[in-house]
Full PDB file with SEQRES, HELIX, SHEET, SSBOND, CRYST1, ORIGX, SCALE, CONECT and MASTER records, all heavy atoms in Angstrom:
SEQRES   1 A   44  LEU SER SER PRO GLN SER ALA ILE ILE SER ALA VAL ILE          
SEQRES   2 A   44  PHE ASN ALA LEU VAL ILE VAL ALA LEU ILE PRO LEU ALA          
SEQRES   3 A   44  ILE ARG GLY VAL ARG TYR ARG PRO THR SER ALA SER LYS          
SEQRES   4 A   44  LEU LEU SER ARG ASN                                          
HELIX    1 AA1 PRO A    4  ARG A   28  1                                  25    
HELIX    2 AA2 ALA A   37  ARG A   43  1                                   7    
CRYST1    1.000    1.000    1.000  90.00  90.00  90.00 P 1           1          
ORIGX1      1.000000  0.000000  0.000000        0.00000                         
ORIGX2      0.000000  1.000000  0.000000        0.00000                         
ORIGX3      0.000000  0.000000  1.000000        0.00000                         
SCALE1      1.000000  0.000000  0.000000        0.00000                         
SCALE2      0.000000  1.000000  0.000000        0.00000                         
SCALE3      0.000000  0.000000  1.000000        0.00000                         
ATOM      1  N   LEU A   1      13.539  21.647 -15.558  1.00  0.00           N  
ATOM      2  CA  LEU A   1      12.689  21.719 -16.746  1.00  0.00           C  
ATOM      3  C   LEU A   1      12.515  23.173 -17.176  1.00  0.00           C  
ATOM      4  O   LEU A   1      12.517  24.104 -16.364  1.00  0.00           O  
ATOM      5  CB  LEU A   1      11.346  21.069 -16.461  1.00  0.00           C  
ATOM      6  CG  LEU A   1      11.431  19.594 -16.010  1.00  0.00           C  
ATOM      7  CD1 LEU A   1      10.060  19.036 -15.732  1.00  0.00           C  
ATOM      8  CD2 LEU A   1      12.152  18.764 -17.069  1.00  0.00           C  
ATOM      9  N   SER A   2      12.348  23.404 -18.480  1.00  0.00           N  
ATOM     10  CA  SER A   2      12.410  24.733 -19.075  1.00  0.00           C  
ATOM     11  C   SER A   2      11.336  25.682 -18.566  1.00  0.00           C  
ATOM     12  O   SER A   2      11.603  26.844 -18.263  1.00  0.00           O  
ATOM     13  CB  SER A   2      12.323  24.622 -20.600  1.00  0.00           C  
ATOM     14  OG  SER A   2      13.357  23.801 -21.090  1.00  0.00           O  
ATOM     15  N   SER A   3      10.086  25.205 -18.517  1.00  0.00           N  
ATOM     16  CA  SER A   3       8.973  26.058 -18.123  1.00  0.00           C  
ATOM     17  C   SER A   3       7.854  25.193 -17.572  1.00  0.00           C  
ATOM     18  O   SER A   3       7.852  23.964 -17.777  1.00  0.00           O  
ATOM     19  CB  SER A   3       8.462  26.859 -19.333  1.00  0.00           C  
ATOM     20  OG  SER A   3       7.870  25.971 -20.281  1.00  0.00           O  
ATOM     21  N   PRO A   4       6.890  25.793 -16.896  1.00  0.00           N  
ATOM     22  CA  PRO A   4       5.765  24.994 -16.390  1.00  0.00           C  
ATOM     23  C   PRO A   4       5.030  24.252 -17.499  1.00  0.00           C  
ATOM     24  O   PRO A   4       4.702  23.075 -17.354  1.00  0.00           O  
ATOM     25  CB  PRO A   4       4.872  26.044 -15.723  1.00  0.00           C  
ATOM     26  CG  PRO A   4       5.820  27.121 -15.299  1.00  0.00           C  
ATOM     27  CD  PRO A   4       6.853  27.179 -16.382  1.00  0.00           C  
ATOM     28  N   GLN A   5       4.784  24.949 -18.616  1.00  0.00           N  
ATOM     29  CA  GLN A   5       4.080  24.280 -19.713  1.00  0.00           C  
ATOM     30  C   GLN A   5       4.920  23.150 -20.304  1.00  0.00           C  
ATOM     31  O   GLN A   5       4.414  22.068 -20.610  1.00  0.00           O  
ATOM     32  CB  GLN A   5       3.724  25.298 -20.802  1.00  0.00           C  
ATOM     33  CG  GLN A   5       2.593  26.244 -20.407  1.00  0.00           C  
ATOM     34  CD  GLN A   5       2.190  27.152 -21.544  1.00  0.00           C  
ATOM     35  OE1 GLN A   5       3.027  27.552 -22.355  1.00  0.00           O  
ATOM     36  NE2 GLN A   5       0.907  27.485 -21.615  1.00  0.00           N  
ATOM     37  N   SER A   6       6.193  23.377 -20.476  1.00  0.00           N  
ATOM     38  CA  SER A   6       7.079  22.340 -21.014  1.00  0.00           C  
ATOM     39  C   SER A   6       7.130  21.132 -20.090  1.00  0.00           C  
ATOM     40  O   SER A   6       7.156  19.987 -20.548  1.00  0.00           O  
ATOM     41  CB  SER A   6       8.479  22.911 -21.214  1.00  0.00           C  
ATOM     42  OG  SER A   6       9.383  21.901 -21.598  1.00  0.00           O  
ATOM     43  N   ALA A   7       7.140  21.401 -18.785  1.00  0.00           N  
ATOM     44  CA  ALA A   7       7.182  20.308 -17.814  1.00  0.00           C  
ATOM     45  C   ALA A   7       5.943  19.430 -17.918  1.00  0.00           C  
ATOM     46  O   ALA A   7       6.026  18.195 -17.907  1.00  0.00           O  
ATOM     47  CB  ALA A   7       7.314  20.879 -16.409  1.00  0.00           C  
ATOM     48  N   ILE A   8       4.776  20.097 -18.044  1.00  0.00           N  
ATOM     49  CA  ILE A   8       3.521  19.336 -18.112  1.00  0.00           C  
ATOM     50  C   ILE A   8       3.442  18.533 -19.406  1.00  0.00           C  
ATOM     51  O   ILE A   8       3.109  17.346 -19.409  1.00  0.00           O  
ATOM     52  CB  ILE A   8       2.330  20.304 -17.985  1.00  0.00           C  
ATOM     53  CG1 ILE A   8       2.317  20.918 -16.583  1.00  0.00           C  
ATOM     54  CG2 ILE A   8       1.017  19.575 -18.270  1.00  0.00           C  
ATOM     55  CD1 ILE A   8       1.310  22.028 -16.404  1.00  0.00           C  
ATOM     56  N   ILE A   9       3.771  19.189 -20.521  1.00  0.00           N  
ATOM     57  CA  ILE A   9       3.721  18.481 -21.811  1.00  0.00           C  
ATOM     58  C   ILE A   9       4.714  17.320 -21.824  1.00  0.00           C  
ATOM     59  O   ILE A   9       4.412  16.222 -22.306  1.00  0.00           O  
ATOM     60  CB  ILE A   9       4.013  19.460 -22.967  1.00  0.00           C  
ATOM     61  CG1 ILE A   9       2.874  20.468 -23.099  1.00  0.00           C  
ATOM     62  CG2 ILE A   9       4.203  18.704 -24.272  1.00  0.00           C  
ATOM     63  CD1 ILE A   9       3.125  21.530 -24.150  1.00  0.00           C  
ATOM     64  N   SER A  10       5.907  17.529 -21.292  1.00  0.00           N  
ATOM     65  CA  SER A  10       6.924  16.475 -21.282  1.00  0.00           C  
ATOM     66  C   SER A  10       6.463  15.276 -20.474  1.00  0.00           C  
ATOM     67  O   SER A  10       6.692  14.115 -20.869  1.00  0.00           O  
ATOM     68  CB  SER A  10       8.234  17.025 -20.705  1.00  0.00           C  
ATOM     69  OG  SER A  10       8.731  18.078 -21.502  1.00  0.00           O  
ATOM     70  N   ALA A  11       5.808  15.526 -19.342  1.00  0.00           N  
ATOM     71  CA  ALA A  11       5.318  14.416 -18.514  1.00  0.00           C  
ATOM     72  C   ALA A  11       4.225  13.639 -19.237  1.00  0.00           C  
ATOM     73  O   ALA A  11       4.179  12.404 -19.190  1.00  0.00           O  
ATOM     74  CB  ALA A  11       4.805  14.947 -17.177  1.00  0.00           C  
ATOM     75  N   VAL A  12       3.338  14.373 -19.921  1.00  0.00           N  
ATOM     76  CA  VAL A  12       2.245  13.707 -20.656  1.00  0.00           C  
ATOM     77  C   VAL A  12       2.801  12.885 -21.809  1.00  0.00           C  
ATOM     78  O   VAL A  12       2.365  11.750 -22.055  1.00  0.00           O  
ATOM     79  CB  VAL A  12       1.232  14.755 -21.165  1.00  0.00           C  
ATOM     80  CG1 VAL A  12       0.209  14.097 -22.088  1.00  0.00           C  
ATOM     81  CG2 VAL A  12       0.522  15.422 -20.000  1.00  0.00           C  
ATOM     82  N   ILE A  13       3.763  13.448 -22.547  1.00  0.00           N  
ATOM     83  CA  ILE A  13       4.354  12.710 -23.675  1.00  0.00           C  
ATOM     84  C   ILE A  13       5.079  11.463 -23.171  1.00  0.00           C  
ATOM     85  O   ILE A  13       4.943  10.375 -23.747  1.00  0.00           O  
ATOM     86  CB  ILE A  13       5.316  13.619 -24.464  1.00  0.00           C  
ATOM     87  CG1 ILE A  13       4.536  14.732 -25.159  1.00  0.00           C  
ATOM     88  CG2 ILE A  13       6.110  12.803 -25.484  1.00  0.00           C  
ATOM     89  CD1 ILE A  13       5.416  15.738 -25.883  1.00  0.00           C  
ATOM     90  N   PHE A  14       5.868  11.633 -22.092  1.00  0.00           N  
ATOM     91  CA  PHE A  14       6.559  10.460 -21.542  1.00  0.00           C  
ATOM     92  C   PHE A  14       5.550   9.412 -21.096  1.00  0.00           C  
ATOM     93  O   PHE A  14       5.754   8.203 -21.302  1.00  0.00           O  
ATOM     94  CB  PHE A  14       7.434  10.867 -20.357  1.00  0.00           C  
ATOM     95  CG  PHE A  14       8.094   9.704 -19.672  1.00  0.00           C  
ATOM     96  CD1 PHE A  14       9.269   9.164 -20.169  1.00  0.00           C  
ATOM     97  CD2 PHE A  14       7.516   9.117 -18.550  1.00  0.00           C  
ATOM     98  CE1 PHE A  14       9.866   8.072 -19.560  1.00  0.00           C  
ATOM     99  CE2 PHE A  14       8.109   8.025 -17.937  1.00  0.00           C  
ATOM    100  CZ  PHE A  14       9.288   7.501 -18.440  1.00  0.00           C  
ATOM    101  N   ASN A  15       4.446   9.850 -20.517  1.00  0.00           N  
ATOM    102  CA  ASN A  15       3.418   8.929 -20.033  1.00  0.00           C  
ATOM    103  C   ASN A  15       2.861   8.077 -21.166  1.00  0.00           C  
ATOM    104  O   ASN A  15       2.541   6.902 -20.971  1.00  0.00           O  
ATOM    105  CB  ASN A  15       2.299   9.731 -19.360  1.00  0.00           C  
ATOM    106  CG  ASN A  15       1.383   8.855 -18.534  1.00  0.00           C  
ATOM    107  OD1 ASN A  15       1.797   8.240 -17.560  1.00  0.00           O  
ATOM    108  ND2 ASN A  15       0.124   8.787 -18.943  1.00  0.00           N  
ATOM    109  N   ALA A  16       2.755   8.677 -22.359  1.00  0.00           N  
ATOM    110  CA  ALA A  16       2.249   7.927 -23.516  1.00  0.00           C  
ATOM    111  C   ALA A  16       3.335   7.052 -24.131  1.00  0.00           C  
ATOM    112  O   ALA A  16       3.108   5.877 -24.459  1.00  0.00           O  
ATOM    113  CB  ALA A  16       1.698   8.896 -24.559  1.00  0.00           C  
ATOM    114  N   LEU A  17       4.549   7.620 -24.281  1.00  0.00           N  
ATOM    115  CA  LEU A  17       5.620   6.877 -24.956  1.00  0.00           C  
ATOM    116  C   LEU A  17       6.117   5.694 -24.145  1.00  0.00           C  
ATOM    117  O   LEU A  17       6.578   4.698 -24.713  1.00  0.00           O  
ATOM    118  CB  LEU A  17       6.787   7.823 -25.266  1.00  0.00           C  
ATOM    119  CG  LEU A  17       6.523   8.911 -26.299  1.00  0.00           C  
ATOM    120  CD1 LEU A  17       7.776   9.750 -26.528  1.00  0.00           C  
ATOM    121  CD2 LEU A  17       6.053   8.296 -27.624  1.00  0.00           C  
ATOM    122  N   VAL A  18       6.047   5.777 -22.811  1.00  0.00           N  
ATOM    123  CA  VAL A  18       6.548   4.674 -22.003  1.00  0.00           C  
ATOM    124  C   VAL A  18       5.714   3.419 -22.219  1.00  0.00           C  
ATOM    125  O   VAL A  18       6.202   2.299 -22.083  1.00  0.00           O  
ATOM    126  CB  VAL A  18       6.594   5.066 -20.504  1.00  0.00           C  
ATOM    127  CG1 VAL A  18       5.194   5.082 -19.900  1.00  0.00           C  
ATOM    128  CG2 VAL A  18       7.490   4.102 -19.727  1.00  0.00           C  
ATOM    129  N   ILE A  19       4.436   3.625 -22.583  1.00  0.00           N  
ATOM    130  CA  ILE A  19       3.583   2.464 -22.883  1.00  0.00           C  
ATOM    131  C   ILE A  19       4.143   1.711 -24.085  1.00  0.00           C  
ATOM    132  O   ILE A  19       4.301   0.488 -24.063  1.00  0.00           O  
ATOM    133  CB  ILE A  19       2.136   2.923 -23.158  1.00  0.00           C  
ATOM    134  CG1 ILE A  19       1.531   3.536 -21.895  1.00  0.00           C  
ATOM    135  CG2 ILE A  19       1.285   1.748 -23.646  1.00  0.00           C  
ATOM    136  CD1 ILE A  19       0.173   4.174 -22.120  1.00  0.00           C  
ATOM    137  N   VAL A  20       4.479   2.465 -25.146  1.00  0.00           N  
ATOM    138  CA  VAL A  20       5.040   1.839 -26.348  1.00  0.00           C  
ATOM    139  C   VAL A  20       6.418   1.248 -26.055  1.00  0.00           C  
ATOM    140  O   VAL A  20       6.762   0.160 -26.512  1.00  0.00           O  
ATOM    141  CB  VAL A  20       5.127   2.871 -27.489  1.00  0.00           C  
ATOM    142  CG1 VAL A  20       5.717   2.234 -28.739  1.00  0.00           C  
ATOM    143  CG2 VAL A  20       3.755   3.448 -27.788  1.00  0.00           C  
ATOM    144  N   ALA A  21       7.208   1.967 -25.255  1.00  0.00           N  
ATOM    145  CA  ALA A  21       8.572   1.508 -24.964  1.00  0.00           C  
ATOM    146  C   ALA A  21       8.590   0.206 -24.179  1.00  0.00           C  
ATOM    147  O   ALA A  21       9.530  -0.594 -24.308  1.00  0.00           O  
ATOM    148  CB  ALA A  21       9.317   2.597 -24.189  1.00  0.00           C  
ATOM    149  N   LEU A  22       7.560  -0.019 -23.368  1.00  0.00           N  
ATOM    150  CA  LEU A  22       7.543  -1.219 -22.529  1.00  0.00           C  
ATOM    151  C   LEU A  22       6.896  -2.422 -23.217  1.00  0.00           C  
ATOM    152  O   LEU A  22       6.932  -3.525 -22.676  1.00  0.00           O  
ATOM    153  CB  LEU A  22       6.812  -0.931 -21.216  1.00  0.00           C  
ATOM    154  CG  LEU A  22       7.563  -0.040 -20.219  1.00  0.00           C  
ATOM    155  CD1 LEU A  22       6.691   0.264 -19.018  1.00  0.00           C  
ATOM    156  CD2 LEU A  22       8.864  -0.706 -19.784  1.00  0.00           C  
ATOM    157  N   ILE A  23       6.310  -2.212 -24.390  1.00  0.00           N  
ATOM    158  CA  ILE A  23       5.691  -3.345 -25.091  1.00  0.00           C  
ATOM    159  C   ILE A  23       6.697  -4.454 -25.392  1.00  0.00           C  
ATOM    160  O   ILE A  23       6.388  -5.637 -25.224  1.00  0.00           O  
ATOM    161  CB  ILE A  23       4.976  -2.859 -26.370  1.00  0.00           C  
ATOM    162  CG1 ILE A  23       3.672  -2.153 -25.982  1.00  0.00           C  
ATOM    163  CG2 ILE A  23       4.678  -4.023 -27.303  1.00  0.00           C  
ATOM    164  CD1 ILE A  23       2.884  -1.613 -27.164  1.00  0.00           C  
ATOM    165  N   PRO A  24       7.941  -4.151 -25.832  1.00  0.00           N  
ATOM    166  CA  PRO A  24       8.904  -5.249 -26.047  1.00  0.00           C  
ATOM    167  C   PRO A  24       9.139  -6.095 -24.801  1.00  0.00           C  
ATOM    168  O   PRO A  24       9.254  -7.322 -24.895  1.00  0.00           O  
ATOM    169  CB  PRO A  24      10.174  -4.511 -26.478  1.00  0.00           C  
ATOM    170  CG  PRO A  24       9.688  -3.252 -27.091  1.00  0.00           C  
ATOM    171  CD  PRO A  24       8.488  -2.858 -26.288  1.00  0.00           C  
ATOM    172  N   LEU A  25       9.215  -5.449 -23.627  1.00  0.00           N  
ATOM    173  CA  LEU A  25       9.395  -6.219 -22.398  1.00  0.00           C  
ATOM    174  C   LEU A  25       8.159  -7.069 -22.121  1.00  0.00           C  
ATOM    175  O   LEU A  25       8.267  -8.220 -21.690  1.00  0.00           O  
ATOM    176  CB  LEU A  25       9.666  -5.282 -21.220  1.00  0.00           C  
ATOM    177  CG  LEU A  25       9.805  -5.965 -19.846  1.00  0.00           C  
ATOM    178  CD1 LEU A  25      10.968  -6.952 -19.852  1.00  0.00           C  
ATOM    179  CD2 LEU A  25      10.001  -4.919 -18.749  1.00  0.00           C  
ATOM    180  N   ALA A  26       6.988  -6.494 -22.391  1.00  0.00           N  
ATOM    181  CA  ALA A  26       5.755  -7.256 -22.187  1.00  0.00           C  
ATOM    182  C   ALA A  26       5.700  -8.458 -23.120  1.00  0.00           C  
ATOM    183  O   ALA A  26       5.229  -9.536 -22.746  1.00  0.00           O  
ATOM    184  CB  ALA A  26       4.539  -6.353 -22.408  1.00  0.00           C  
ATOM    185  N   ILE A  27       6.197  -8.298 -24.342  1.00  0.00           N  
ATOM    186  CA  ILE A  27       6.199  -9.402 -25.305  1.00  0.00           C  
ATOM    187  C   ILE A  27       7.220 -10.466 -24.908  1.00  0.00           C  
ATOM    188  O   ILE A  27       6.924 -11.661 -24.889  1.00  0.00           O  
ATOM    189  CB  ILE A  27       6.508  -8.879 -26.717  1.00  0.00           C  
ATOM    190  CG1 ILE A  27       5.382  -7.960 -27.197  1.00  0.00           C  
ATOM    191  CG2 ILE A  27       6.698 -10.039 -27.692  1.00  0.00           C  
ATOM    192  CD1 ILE A  27       5.650  -7.321 -28.533  1.00  0.00           C  
ATOM    193  N   ARG A  28       8.420 -10.020 -24.601  1.00  0.00           N  
ATOM    194  CA  ARG A  28       9.476 -10.978 -24.249  1.00  0.00           C  
ATOM    195  C   ARG A  28       9.189 -11.632 -22.909  1.00  0.00           C  
ATOM    196  O   ARG A  28       9.436 -12.821 -22.713  1.00  0.00           O  
ATOM    197  CB  ARG A  28      10.820 -10.250 -24.226  1.00  0.00           C  
ATOM    198  CG  ARG A  28      12.012 -11.176 -23.997  1.00  0.00           C  
ATOM    199  CD  ARG A  28      13.318 -10.408 -24.040  1.00  0.00           C  
ATOM    200  NE  ARG A  28      13.424  -9.453 -22.948  1.00  0.00           N  
ATOM    201  CZ  ARG A  28      13.331  -8.149 -23.083  1.00  0.00           C  
ATOM    202  NH1 ARG A  28      13.109  -7.620 -24.277  1.00  0.00           N  
ATOM    203  NH2 ARG A  28      13.431  -7.348 -22.036  1.00  0.00           N  
ATOM    204  N   GLY A  29       8.688 -10.855 -21.977  1.00  0.00           N  
ATOM    205  CA  GLY A  29       8.377 -11.379 -20.650  1.00  0.00           C  
ATOM    206  C   GLY A  29       9.587 -11.397 -19.740  1.00  0.00           C  
ATOM    207  O   GLY A  29      10.729 -11.522 -20.190  1.00  0.00           O  
ATOM    208  N   VAL A  30       9.323 -11.246 -18.465  1.00  0.00           N  
ATOM    209  CA  VAL A  30      10.375 -11.371 -17.464  1.00  0.00           C  
ATOM    210  C   VAL A  30      10.707 -12.847 -17.306  1.00  0.00           C  
ATOM    211  O   VAL A  30       9.812 -13.687 -17.229  1.00  0.00           O  
ATOM    212  CB  VAL A  30       9.920 -10.769 -16.118  1.00  0.00           C  
ATOM    213  CG1 VAL A  30      10.988 -10.966 -15.047  1.00  0.00           C  
ATOM    214  CG2 VAL A  30       9.596  -9.295 -16.289  1.00  0.00           C  
ATOM    215  N   ARG A  31      11.966 -13.171 -17.255  1.00  0.00           N  
ATOM    216  CA  ARG A  31      12.381 -14.574 -17.197  1.00  0.00           C  
ATOM    217  C   ARG A  31      11.813 -15.263 -15.967  1.00  0.00           C  
ATOM    218  O   ARG A  31      11.852 -14.730 -14.861  1.00  0.00           O  
ATOM    219  CB  ARG A  31      13.909 -14.672 -17.183  1.00  0.00           C  
ATOM    220  CG  ARG A  31      14.418 -16.105 -17.227  1.00  0.00           C  
ATOM    221  CD  ARG A  31      15.936 -16.146 -17.293  1.00  0.00           C  
ATOM    222  NE  ARG A  31      16.423 -17.508 -17.301  1.00  0.00           N  
ATOM    223  CZ  ARG A  31      17.709 -17.838 -17.309  1.00  0.00           C  
ATOM    224  NH1 ARG A  31      18.625 -16.880 -17.348  1.00  0.00           N  
ATOM    225  NH2 ARG A  31      18.081 -19.106 -17.307  1.00  0.00           N  
ATOM    226  N   TYR A  32      11.244 -16.467 -16.202  1.00  0.00           N  
ATOM    227  CA  TYR A  32      10.632 -17.228 -15.110  1.00  0.00           C  
ATOM    228  C   TYR A  32      11.665 -18.134 -14.458  1.00  0.00           C  
ATOM    229  O   TYR A  32      12.278 -18.971 -15.108  1.00  0.00           O  
ATOM    230  CB  TYR A  32       9.464 -18.064 -15.629  1.00  0.00           C  
ATOM    231  CG  TYR A  32       8.953 -19.078 -14.631  1.00  0.00           C  
ATOM    232  CD1 TYR A  32       8.372 -18.672 -13.429  1.00  0.00           C  
ATOM    233  CD2 TYR A  32       9.047 -20.448 -14.884  1.00  0.00           C  
ATOM    234  CE1 TYR A  32       7.904 -19.585 -12.514  1.00  0.00           C  
ATOM    235  CE2 TYR A  32       8.578 -21.376 -13.977  1.00  0.00           C  
ATOM    236  CZ  TYR A  32       8.013 -20.946 -12.794  1.00  0.00           C  
ATOM    237  OH  TYR A  32       7.545 -21.856 -11.884  1.00  0.00           O  
ATOM    238  N   ARG A  33      11.886 -17.930 -13.179  1.00  0.00           N  
ATOM    239  CA  ARG A  33      12.762 -18.805 -12.401  1.00  0.00           C  
ATOM    240  C   ARG A  33      11.998 -19.276 -11.172  1.00  0.00           C  
ATOM    241  O   ARG A  33      11.548 -18.442 -10.380  1.00  0.00           O  
ATOM    242  CB  ARG A  33      14.023 -18.058 -11.942  1.00  0.00           C  
ATOM    243  CG  ARG A  33      14.959 -17.606 -13.037  1.00  0.00           C  
ATOM    244  CD  ARG A  33      16.250 -17.076 -12.425  1.00  0.00           C  
ATOM    245  NE  ARG A  33      17.159 -16.525 -13.425  1.00  0.00           N  
ATOM    246  CZ  ARG A  33      17.228 -15.250 -13.747  1.00  0.00           C  
ATOM    247  NH1 ARG A  33      16.425 -14.391 -13.144  1.00  0.00           N  
ATOM    248  NH2 ARG A  33      18.083 -14.829 -14.661  1.00  0.00           N  
ATOM    249  N   PRO A  34      11.828 -20.588 -11.009  1.00  0.00           N  
ATOM    250  CA  PRO A  34      11.160 -21.071  -9.800  1.00  0.00           C  
ATOM    251  C   PRO A  34      11.918 -20.622  -8.554  1.00  0.00           C  
ATOM    252  O   PRO A  34      13.085 -20.975  -8.361  1.00  0.00           O  
ATOM    253  CB  PRO A  34      11.207 -22.600  -9.958  1.00  0.00           C  
ATOM    254  CG  PRO A  34      11.372 -22.827 -11.428  1.00  0.00           C  
ATOM    255  CD  PRO A  34      12.210 -21.671 -11.913  1.00  0.00           C  
ATOM    256  N   THR A  35      11.290 -19.804  -7.738  1.00  0.00           N  
ATOM    257  CA  THR A  35      11.939 -19.285  -6.539  1.00  0.00           C  
ATOM    258  C   THR A  35      10.873 -18.897  -5.531  1.00  0.00           C  
ATOM    259  O   THR A  35       9.678 -18.920  -5.826  1.00  0.00           O  
ATOM    260  CB  THR A  35      12.831 -18.074  -6.880  1.00  0.00           C  
ATOM    261  OG1 THR A  35      13.522 -17.663  -5.712  1.00  0.00           O  
ATOM    262  CG2 THR A  35      12.004 -16.918  -7.409  1.00  0.00           C  
ATOM    263  N   SER A  36      11.299 -18.507  -4.348  1.00  0.00           N  
ATOM    264  CA  SER A  36      10.356 -18.124  -3.305  1.00  0.00           C  
ATOM    265  C   SER A  36       9.748 -16.765  -3.610  1.00  0.00           C  
ATOM    266  O   SER A  36      10.326 -15.952  -4.337  1.00  0.00           O  
ATOM    267  CB  SER A  36      11.063 -18.084  -1.951  1.00  0.00           C  
ATOM    268  OG  SER A  36      12.031 -17.057  -1.928  1.00  0.00           O  
ATOM    269  N   ALA A  37       8.581 -16.506  -3.022  1.00  0.00           N  
ATOM    270  CA  ALA A  37       7.892 -15.242  -3.264  1.00  0.00           C  
ATOM    271  C   ALA A  37       8.700 -14.059  -2.742  1.00  0.00           C  
ATOM    272  O   ALA A  37       8.729 -12.986  -3.358  1.00  0.00           O  
ATOM    273  CB  ALA A  37       6.513 -15.274  -2.608  1.00  0.00           C  
ATOM    274  N   SER A  38       9.397 -14.239  -1.619  1.00  0.00           N  
ATOM    275  CA  SER A  38      10.174 -13.135  -1.043  1.00  0.00           C  
ATOM    276  C   SER A  38      11.338 -12.753  -1.949  1.00  0.00           C  
ATOM    277  O   SER A  38      11.617 -11.568  -2.164  1.00  0.00           O  
ATOM    278  CB  SER A  38      10.693 -13.526   0.343  1.00  0.00           C  
ATOM    279  OG  SER A  38      11.519 -14.677   0.261  1.00  0.00           O  
ATOM    280  N   LYS A  39      12.028 -13.753  -2.510  1.00  0.00           N  
ATOM    281  CA  LYS A  39      13.138 -13.457  -3.413  1.00  0.00           C  
ATOM    282  C   LYS A  39      12.639 -12.785  -4.685  1.00  0.00           C  
ATOM    283  O   LYS A  39      13.275 -11.875  -5.220  1.00  0.00           O  
ATOM    284  CB  LYS A  39      13.898 -14.736  -3.753  1.00  0.00           C  
ATOM    285  CG  LYS A  39      14.702 -15.311  -2.591  1.00  0.00           C  
ATOM    286  CD  LYS A  39      15.482 -16.535  -3.029  1.00  0.00           C  
ATOM    287  CE  LYS A  39      16.323 -17.101  -1.887  1.00  0.00           C  
ATOM    288  NZ  LYS A  39      17.079 -18.310  -2.308  1.00  0.00           N  
ATOM    289  N   LEU A  40      11.498 -13.254  -5.149  1.00  0.00           N  
ATOM    290  CA  LEU A  40      10.922 -12.675  -6.358  1.00  0.00           C  
ATOM    291  C   LEU A  40      10.537 -11.215  -6.121  1.00  0.00           C  
ATOM    292  O   LEU A  40      10.785 -10.344  -6.966  1.00  0.00           O  
ATOM    293  CB  LEU A  40       9.700 -13.482  -6.785  1.00  0.00           C  
ATOM    294  CG  LEU A  40       9.049 -13.098  -8.111  1.00  0.00           C  
ATOM    295  CD1 LEU A  40      10.027 -13.265  -9.254  1.00  0.00           C  
ATOM    296  CD2 LEU A  40       7.811 -13.948  -8.339  1.00  0.00           C  
ATOM    297  N   LEU A  41       9.966 -10.934  -4.960  1.00  0.00           N  
ATOM    298  CA  LEU A  41       9.585  -9.560  -4.629  1.00  0.00           C  
ATOM    299  C   LEU A  41      10.816  -8.658  -4.535  1.00  0.00           C  
ATOM    300  O   LEU A  41      10.820  -7.535  -5.058  1.00  0.00           O  
ATOM    301  CB  LEU A  41       8.804  -9.539  -3.316  1.00  0.00           C  
ATOM    302  CG  LEU A  41       8.376  -8.159  -2.807  1.00  0.00           C  
ATOM    303  CD1 LEU A  41       7.459  -7.482  -3.817  1.00  0.00           C  
ATOM    304  CD2 LEU A  41       7.688  -8.294  -1.447  1.00  0.00           C  
ATOM    305  N   SER A  42      11.861  -9.137  -3.870  1.00  0.00           N  
ATOM    306  CA  SER A  42      13.088  -8.341  -3.732  1.00  0.00           C  
ATOM    307  C   SER A  42      13.690  -8.027  -5.094  1.00  0.00           C  
ATOM    308  O   SER A  42      14.141  -6.901  -5.357  1.00  0.00           O  
ATOM    309  CB  SER A  42      14.107  -9.094  -2.875  1.00  0.00           C  
ATOM    310  OG  SER A  42      13.592  -9.340  -1.577  1.00  0.00           O  
ATOM    311  N   ARG A  43      13.708  -9.018  -5.966  1.00  0.00           N  
ATOM    312  CA  ARG A  43      14.276  -8.831  -7.308  1.00  0.00           C  
ATOM    313  C   ARG A  43      13.477  -7.792  -8.090  1.00  0.00           C  
ATOM    314  O   ARG A  43      14.046  -6.905  -8.737  1.00  0.00           O  
ATOM    315  CB  ARG A  43      14.278 -10.167  -8.042  1.00  0.00           C  
ATOM    316  CG  ARG A  43      14.796 -10.115  -9.472  1.00  0.00           C  
ATOM    317  CD  ARG A  43      14.893 -11.514 -10.055  1.00  0.00           C  
ATOM    318  NE  ARG A  43      15.289 -11.492 -11.450  1.00  0.00           N  
ATOM    319  CZ  ARG A  43      14.445 -11.454 -12.470  1.00  0.00           C  
ATOM    320  NH1 ARG A  43      13.135 -11.459 -12.222  1.00  0.00           N  
ATOM    321  NH2 ARG A  43      14.865 -11.433 -13.717  1.00  0.00           N  
ATOM    322  N   ASN A  44      12.148  -7.893  -8.044  1.00  0.00           N  
ATOM    323  CA  ASN A  44      11.311  -6.949  -8.784  1.00  0.00           C  
ATOM    324  C   ASN A  44      11.464  -5.526  -8.253  1.00  0.00           C  
ATOM    325  O   ASN A  44      11.498  -4.557  -9.016  1.00  0.00           O  
ATOM    326  CB  ASN A  44       9.839  -7.375  -8.720  1.00  0.00           C  
ATOM    327  CG  ASN A  44       9.525  -8.485  -9.705  1.00  0.00           C  
ATOM    328  OD1 ASN A  44      10.345  -8.821 -10.549  1.00  0.00           O  
ATOM    329  ND2 ASN A  44       8.349  -9.070  -9.588  1.00  0.00           N  
TER     330      ASN A  44                                                      
MASTER        0    0    0    2    0    0    0    6  329    1    0    4          
END                                                                             
């Protein structure tokens, strides 16, 4: 990263933008497949 200030600002901006970026996944949802809890955990 370019500088300490740039690193901090970049992390804060990414922290905010990732919320917006993940909204489509939250809307669409992770596909539901009936399976065991262990398999589901491994997949996630």
